Amino acid sequence: MAVERTLSIIKPDATARDITGKINAKFEGVSLRIVAQKRIRLTLAQAQAFYEVHAERSFYDELCEYMVSGPVVVQVLEGEDAISHHRDVMGATNPANAADETIRKEFGVTVQENSVHGSDSPETAAREIAFFFSQVEIAG
């Protein structure tokens, strides 16, 4: 396994409930190091650009509106096979289908308000990390 980096977003539903520390403890519990982190409030233009890949889907506008509804925590996680480990600890997109002890099972409310976002491939991770962070902001 190789050391990888992945983007993680703690979504507005989770920041509103003050559970970012609990979520980050889950990441650290599977040996993912937080090497960059910032709490921001996305603009609608930023949310639309970030989720542009979904622009043709029916949920796009609602997703973008949700992502600007409150602050988010964007972060870069690093570790062995980080993308896969991150996705495993997040759980299925729908909290009702997520495995026990995953973030989405424990903290997710709905398919949209599922507390976290994570990159799904090395290519996506590189693009998503660059969207939010310059190389100088990543201290690995």
C-alpha atoms as a PDB file:
ATOM      1  CA  MET A   1       0.000   0.000   0.000  1.00  0.00           C
ATOM      2  CA  ALA A   2       1.101   3.503  -0.776  1.00  0.00           C
ATOM      3  CA  VAL A   3       0.787   6.655   1.265  1.00  0.00           C
ATOM      4  CA  GLU A   4      -1.998   8.724  -0.268  1.00  0.00           C
ATOM      5  CA  ARG A   5      -3.802  11.958   0.376  1.00  0.00           C
ATOM      6  CA  THR A   6      -7.529  12.502   0.106  1.00  0.00           C
ATOM      7  CA  LEU A   7      -9.892  15.402   0.564  1.00  0.00           C
ATOM      8  CA  SER A   8     -12.379  15.247   3.394  1.00  0.00           C
ATOM      9  CA  ILE A   9     -15.238  17.675   3.976  1.00  0.00           C
ATOM     10  CA  ILE A  10     -17.202  17.789   7.185  1.00  0.00           C
ATOM     11  CA  LYS A  11     -20.552  19.086   5.971  1.00  0.00           C
ATOM     12  CA  PRO A  12     -22.874  21.781   7.382  1.00  0.00           C
ATOM     13  CA  ASP A  13     -25.134  19.335   9.251  1.00  0.00           C
ATOM     14  CA  ALA A  14     -22.137  18.082  11.237  1.00  0.00           C
ATOM     15  CA  THR A  15     -20.598  21.497  11.925  1.00  0.00           C
ATOM     16  CA  ALA A  16     -24.012  22.746  13.121  1.00  0.00           C
ATOM     17  CA  ARG A  17     -24.109  19.899  15.662  1.00  0.00           C
ATOM     18  CA  ASP A  18     -20.516  20.525  16.819  1.00  0.00           C
ATOM     19  CA  ILE A  19     -19.360  16.982  16.035  1.00  0.00           C
ATOM     20  CA  THR A  20     -16.259  17.761  13.970  1.00  0.00           C
ATOM     21  CA  GLY A  21     -13.993  16.474  16.749  1.00  0.00           C
ATOM     22  CA  LYS A  22     -15.892  13.191  16.970  1.00  0.00           C
ATOM     23  CA  ILE A  23     -15.658  12.755  13.199  1.00  0.00           C
ATOM     24  CA  ASN A  24     -11.950  13.549  13.135  1.00  0.00           C
ATOM     25  CA  ALA A  25     -11.375  11.046  15.947  1.00  0.00           C
ATOM     26  CA  LYS A  26     -12.862   8.389  13.635  1.00  0.00           C
ATOM     27  CA  PHE A  27     -10.397   9.347  10.885  1.00  0.00           C
ATOM     28  CA  GLU A  28      -7.460   9.330  13.266  1.00  0.00           C
ATOM     29  CA  GLY A  29      -8.666   5.999  14.641  1.00  0.00           C
ATOM     30  CA  VAL A  30      -7.940   4.384  11.267  1.00  0.00           C
ATOM     31  CA  SER A  31      -4.487   6.010  11.037  1.00  0.00           C
ATOM     32  CA  LEU A  32      -5.440   8.949   8.820  1.00  0.00           C
ATOM     33  CA  ARG A  33      -3.429  12.061   9.677  1.00  0.00           C
ATOM     34  CA  ILE A  34      -4.934  15.511   9.193  1.00  0.00           C
ATOM     35  CA  VAL A  35      -2.220  17.386   7.269  1.00  0.00           C
ATOM     36  CA  ALA A  36      -4.293  20.443   6.300  1.00  0.00           C
ATOM     37  CA  GLN A  37      -7.524  21.824   7.675  1.00  0.00           C
ATOM     38  CA  LYS A  38      -9.675  24.937   7.557  1.00  0.00           C
ATOM     39  CA  ARG A  39     -13.205  25.911   8.482  1.00  0.00           C
ATOM     40  CA  ILE A  40     -14.823  27.927   5.704  1.00  0.00           C
ATOM     41  CA  ARG A  41     -18.175  29.078   4.427  1.00  0.00           C
ATOM     42  CA  LEU A  42     -18.531  28.186   0.755  1.00  0.00           C
ATOM     43  CA  THR A  43     -20.056  30.663  -1.649  1.00  0.00           C
ATOM     44  CA  LEU A  44     -22.677  29.391  -4.058  1.00  0.00           C
ATOM     45  CA  ALA A  45     -20.198  29.838  -6.925  1.00  0.00           C
ATOM     46  CA  GLN A  46     -17.609  27.718  -5.096  1.00  0.00           C
ATOM     47  CA  ALA A  47     -20.128  24.960  -4.339  1.00  0.00           C
ATOM     48  CA  GLN A  48     -21.295  24.943  -7.957  1.00  0.00           C
ATOM     49  CA  ALA A  49     -17.710  24.726  -9.223  1.00  0.00           C
ATOM     50  CA  PHE A  50     -16.751  22.008  -6.761  1.00  0.00           C
ATOM     51  CA  TYR A  51     -19.785  19.843  -7.583  1.00  0.00           C
ATOM     52  CA  GLU A  52     -19.741  20.670 -11.306  1.00  0.00           C
ATOM     53  CA  VAL A  53     -19.366  16.959 -12.089  1.00  0.00           C
ATOM     54  CA  HIS A  54     -22.968  16.570 -10.883  1.00  0.00           C
ATOM     55  CA  ALA A  55     -24.375  19.609 -12.747  1.00  0.00           C
ATOM     56  CA  GLU A  56     -26.683  17.523 -14.938  1.00  0.00           C
ATOM     57  CA  ARG A  57     -28.122  15.539 -12.035  1.00  0.00           C
ATOM     58  CA  SER A  58     -31.457  16.357 -10.438  1.00  0.00           C
ATOM     59  CA  PHE A  59     -29.949  16.872  -6.970  1.00  0.00           C
ATOM     60  CA  TYR A  60     -27.252  19.371  -8.051  1.00  0.00           C
ATOM     61  CA  ASP A  61     -29.020  22.633  -7.121  1.00  0.00           C
ATOM     62  CA  GLU A  62     -30.249  21.255  -3.804  1.00  0.00           C
ATOM     63  CA  LEU A  63     -26.765  19.919  -2.986  1.00  0.00           C
ATOM     64  CA  CYS A  64     -25.129  23.270  -3.722  1.00  0.00           C
ATOM     65  CA  GLU A  65     -27.697  25.131  -1.604  1.00  0.00           C
ATOM     66  CA  TYR A  66     -27.126  22.703   1.258  1.00  0.00           C
ATOM     67  CA  MET A  67     -23.332  23.069   1.087  1.00  0.00           C
ATOM     68  CA  VAL A  68     -23.599  26.857   1.481  1.00  0.00           C
ATOM     69  CA  SER A  69     -26.127  26.632   4.343  1.00  0.00           C
ATOM     70  CA  GLY A  70     -23.426  26.707   7.010  1.00  0.00           C
ATOM     71  CA  PRO A  71     -19.701  26.357   7.581  1.00  0.00           C
ATOM     72  CA  VAL A  72     -17.799  23.278   6.454  1.00  0.00           C
ATOM     73  CA  VAL A  73     -14.420  21.892   7.477  1.00  0.00           C
ATOM     74  CA  VAL A  74     -12.228  21.047   4.503  1.00  0.00           C
ATOM     75  CA  GLN A  75      -9.179  18.956   5.196  1.00  0.00           C
ATOM     76  CA  VAL A  76      -6.515  16.789   3.671  1.00  0.00           C
ATOM     77  CA  LEU A  77      -6.050  13.360   5.193  1.00  0.00           C
ATOM     78  CA  GLU A  78      -2.884  11.331   4.653  1.00  0.00           C
ATOM     79  CA  GLY A  79      -2.069   7.697   5.258  1.00  0.00           C
ATOM     80  CA  GLU A  80      -1.572   4.255   3.805  1.00  0.00           C
ATOM     81  CA  ASP A  81      -4.325   3.625   1.251  1.00  0.00           C
ATOM     82  CA  ALA A  82      -5.990   6.822   2.547  1.00  0.00           C
ATOM     83  CA  ILE A  83      -8.740   7.030  -0.075  1.00  0.00           C
ATOM     84  CA  SER A  84     -10.031   3.532   0.624  1.00  0.00           C
ATOM     85  CA  HIS A  85      -9.690   3.834   4.416  1.00  0.00           C
ATOM     86  CA  HIS A  86     -11.453   7.189   4.371  1.00  0.00           C
ATOM     87  CA  ARG A  87     -14.334   5.824   2.309  1.00  0.00           C
ATOM     88  CA  ASP A  88     -14.623   2.771   4.576  1.00  0.00           C
ATOM     89  CA  VAL A  89     -14.855   4.860   7.752  1.00  0.00           C
ATOM     90  CA  MET A  90     -17.345   7.256   6.115  1.00  0.00           C
ATOM     91  CA  GLY A  91     -19.750   4.444   5.188  1.00  0.00           C
ATOM     92  CA  ALA A  92     -22.427   4.255   2.502  1.00  0.00           C
ATOM     93  CA  THR A  93     -23.852   7.529   1.171  1.00  0.00           C
ATOM     94  CA  ASN A  94     -27.262   6.729   2.614  1.00  0.00           C
ATOM     95  CA  PRO A  95     -26.931   6.533   6.417  1.00  0.00           C
ATOM     96  CA  ALA A  96     -29.693   3.901   6.477  1.00  0.00           C
ATOM     97  CA  ASN A  97     -27.454   1.608   4.404  1.00  0.00           C
ATOM     98  CA  ALA A  98     -24.173   2.414   6.151  1.00  0.00           C
ATOM     99  CA  ALA A  99     -22.370  -0.184   8.240  1.00  0.00           C
ATOM    100  CA  ASP A 100     -22.377   0.100  12.014  1.00  0.00           C
ATOM    101  CA  GLU A 101     -19.655   2.296  13.529  1.00  0.00           C
ATOM    102  CA  THR A 102     -19.188   4.327  10.328  1.00  0.00           C
ATOM    103  CA  ILE A 103     -19.505   8.101  10.386  1.00  0.00           C
ATOM    104  CA  ARG A 104     -22.613   8.180   8.242  1.00  0.00           C
ATOM    105  CA  LYS A 105     -24.347   5.504  10.326  1.00  0.00           C
ATOM    106  CA  GLU A 106     -23.552   7.268  13.592  1.00  0.00           C
ATOM    107  CA  PHE A 107     -23.942  10.890  12.541  1.00  0.00           C
ATOM    108  CA  GLY A 108     -25.700  11.054   9.154  1.00  0.00           C
ATOM    109  CA  VAL A 109     -29.265  12.333   9.013  1.00  0.00           C
ATOM    110  CA  THR A 110     -30.252  11.848   5.348  1.00  0.00           C
ATOM    111  CA  VAL A 111     -28.604  10.990   2.041  1.00  0.00           C
ATOM    112  CA  GLN A 112     -27.741  14.670   1.631  1.00  0.00           C
ATOM    113  CA  GLU A 113     -27.092  15.480   5.282  1.00  0.00           C
ATOM    114  CA  ASN A 114     -24.701  12.579   5.707  1.00  0.00           C
ATOM    115  CA  SER A 115     -22.053  14.621   7.562  1.00  0.00           C
ATOM    116  CA  VAL A 116     -19.034  13.967   5.312  1.00  0.00           C
ATOM    117  CA  HIS A 117     -17.676  14.001   1.774  1.00  0.00           C
ATOM    118  CA  GLY A 118     -14.608  12.161   0.537  1.00  0.00           C
ATOM    119  CA  SER A 119     -12.696  11.766  -2.693  1.00  0.00           C
ATOM    120  CA  ASP A 120     -13.381   8.560  -4.610  1.00  0.00           C
ATOM    121  CA  SER A 121     -10.122   8.123  -6.565  1.00  0.00           C
ATOM    122  CA  PRO A 122      -6.546   9.426  -6.696  1.00  0.00           C
ATOM    123  CA  GLU A 123      -7.437  11.671  -9.649  1.00  0.00           C
ATOM    124  CA  THR A 124     -10.451  13.111  -7.870  1.00  0.00           C
ATOM    125  CA  ALA A 125      -8.444  13.570  -4.673  1.00  0.00           C
ATOM    126  CA  ALA A 126      -5.760  15.562  -6.493  1.00  0.00           C
ATOM    127  CA  ARG A 127      -8.358  17.820  -8.136  1.00  0.00           C
ATOM    128  CA  GLU A 128     -10.386  18.300  -4.953  1.00  0.00           C
ATOM    129  CA  ILE A 129      -7.359  18.995  -2.744  1.00  0.00           C
ATOM    130  CA  ALA A 130      -6.101  21.603  -5.231  1.00  0.00           C
ATOM    131  CA  PHE A 131      -9.547  23.233  -5.226  1.00  0.00           C
ATOM    132  CA  PHE A 132      -9.196  24.143  -1.535  1.00  0.00           C
ATOM    133  CA  PHE A 133      -5.487  24.075  -0.687  1.00  0.00           C
ATOM    134  CA  SER A 134      -2.183  25.291  -2.059  1.00  0.00           C
ATOM    135  CA  GLN A 135       0.832  23.026  -1.531  1.00  0.00           C
ATOM    136  CA  VAL A 136       2.228  25.404   1.101  1.00  0.00           C
ATOM    137  CA  GLU A 137      -0.899  24.848   3.236  1.00  0.00           C
ATOM    138  CA  ILE A 138      -0.365  21.092   3.426  1.00  0.00           C
ATOM    139  CA  ALA A 139       2.003  20.164   6.236  1.00  0.00           C
ATOM    140  CA  GLY A 140       2.556  16.413   5.953  1.00  0.00           C
END
